Structures are given as structure tokens and as C-alpha cells.
Amino acid sequence: MWFHPPQNWPIELEKWSSFCVIASWEIWKSRCQRTFQNLYVSPARIASFIDITLGRLQKLVSPNSLIQKQLSIYPTIWIPPKKNVIKINVDISFRSAGTAIGFGFVFRDSMGTFLLAGSKAGHAGTAEQAECWGIYEALQQGLKYKLRNIQIESDNKAAVDYLLGKQANLSWTSTNILDNAKNLVHMFSSVNFCFCYRSGNAIAHMLAARADLDSTFMCVFVKPPDWLLNQLKLDILFCNLQYC
């Protein structure tokens, strides 16, 4: 029965059932709107509604329980890019100004297929600067692997807003880093910057957290390591939404 999670997936039955019910409800509502009101709700918006509803349910049912501490294995909302676009999710792991930071990125296509991932260490004075440096580094990786149409996704809203030309409260050092990132945009056929919640950026976060802070070299994964496989399965759940 589809209300039971796939075999060997690290998720409890009650969590999976809640996820299935909420996802089905939101998809059904969107189709009713299309049929009876001629209103189109994009797959990205449907996924966002599911994400919000799941978050509210977790808070209502168990605000301080173990469930809140296990979000890393809860079905996440990773929204696939359009066809012929490669999405680069990026994140950093910042501890303090005096220690190295971790940077992680992952390339995936519109089907959620893992293409490439990597992690490396770096240095930044603040978490904000680190997030901005991570976006700049993600663009550099896109150029290195000769990507043409990309979507950069970060869970730092201020940085994404700045890159989109919106007002953002950032330090001058952070805006300098992002200005350098903007200077790379013309080297691609198309670049789109977008914000996502942490729940949709789990793979990049895991890569950043596991970066070798004692090395200055990039660690590249041409196939997903074992410790990413479960999260990749959870992320790919929403790839079929773009065809609803």
C-alpha cells in the first residue's frame, strides 16, 4: 500500500502517512482549481504549500519532541528545475571566525538525477560572508564544468534577494562577494538565483558539514556517497510534481 514507506527508507510510518495525506490533498486541490476555476498552480507552489503544512503539523503535534530533532530524515521539499536546466544547491557550515568553514554543492537535473557534488574548506569572518562566498563558489563550479543554464539555490534569503536586485540587509563585505558573483553571470547562457528553506537544501548542508576542514582541495563526488543516498531518495519524491 502506498501509505507505507518504501522498504528500507529511514522514516516512521506515521510520518510517512502524514506526508502522503498532505501531499495528496494539496495536489488534489490544485487540480480542482485548474478544472473548476481555470487557475493554474505551479508545481513549485504546490510543493511550498506541502512544506508549510507539514511544518505546522509538526509544531502542533510535537513542538518539543524527538520529531523536531529528526527533520534530517523527514521527507523534504526539493523542487526540481525546468528541463535543460541544472540546479546547483549550495550551503555552508560555519562554526566561528577563527575556524575553517565547510562548503558543499550538488548538481541535479529536472528528473532529480545526481550529476556531481563536492565539498571543500574555506575561511570567512561571519556566517553571512560564508553564505555569500558559497554562492560565488557555486558559480565557479558551474563554469568549471561548463554548464550553460543553471539555477543557484541557497537558503540565505538576504543573499538571494541582493542577487535578484531586491533590498537586502547585508554588510559591505558580503555585498562585495556577491558583486563578484554577479560578474560571473554573463559567462552562462542563463542563471537564476532562488531561495529555498533549509528543508529543501539538505544535501548541500550534509556535504558542507562533512567537508574536510584540514584540506584546501575540493573533494568531488561523481557518484553519490552512501551517506547521501537516503536523503537523495527523499528529495526525489517531488520530481514528479512538475508533470502534474
Foldseek 3Di string as FASTA:
>chain_A
DQLADPPPFPDDSVLSNVLVVLLVVLVVVQVCCCVPVVDHDALLNSLVSSVVVSVVVCCVPPVPDCVVVVLLRHQFAAQADDALEKEKEKDKADDAQVAKIKIKIWIAHLLLDTAKIKMAIHHDHDRLLVQLLNLLVSLVVCVVVVRAHYEYEYQPVQLLCVLVVHDHDDDPSSVVSSVSSNVSQVVHNYYHYDYDHVRNRSLRVVNNVPHDRVDRDMDMDRDDDPVCVSVSVSNSPSSCSNVD
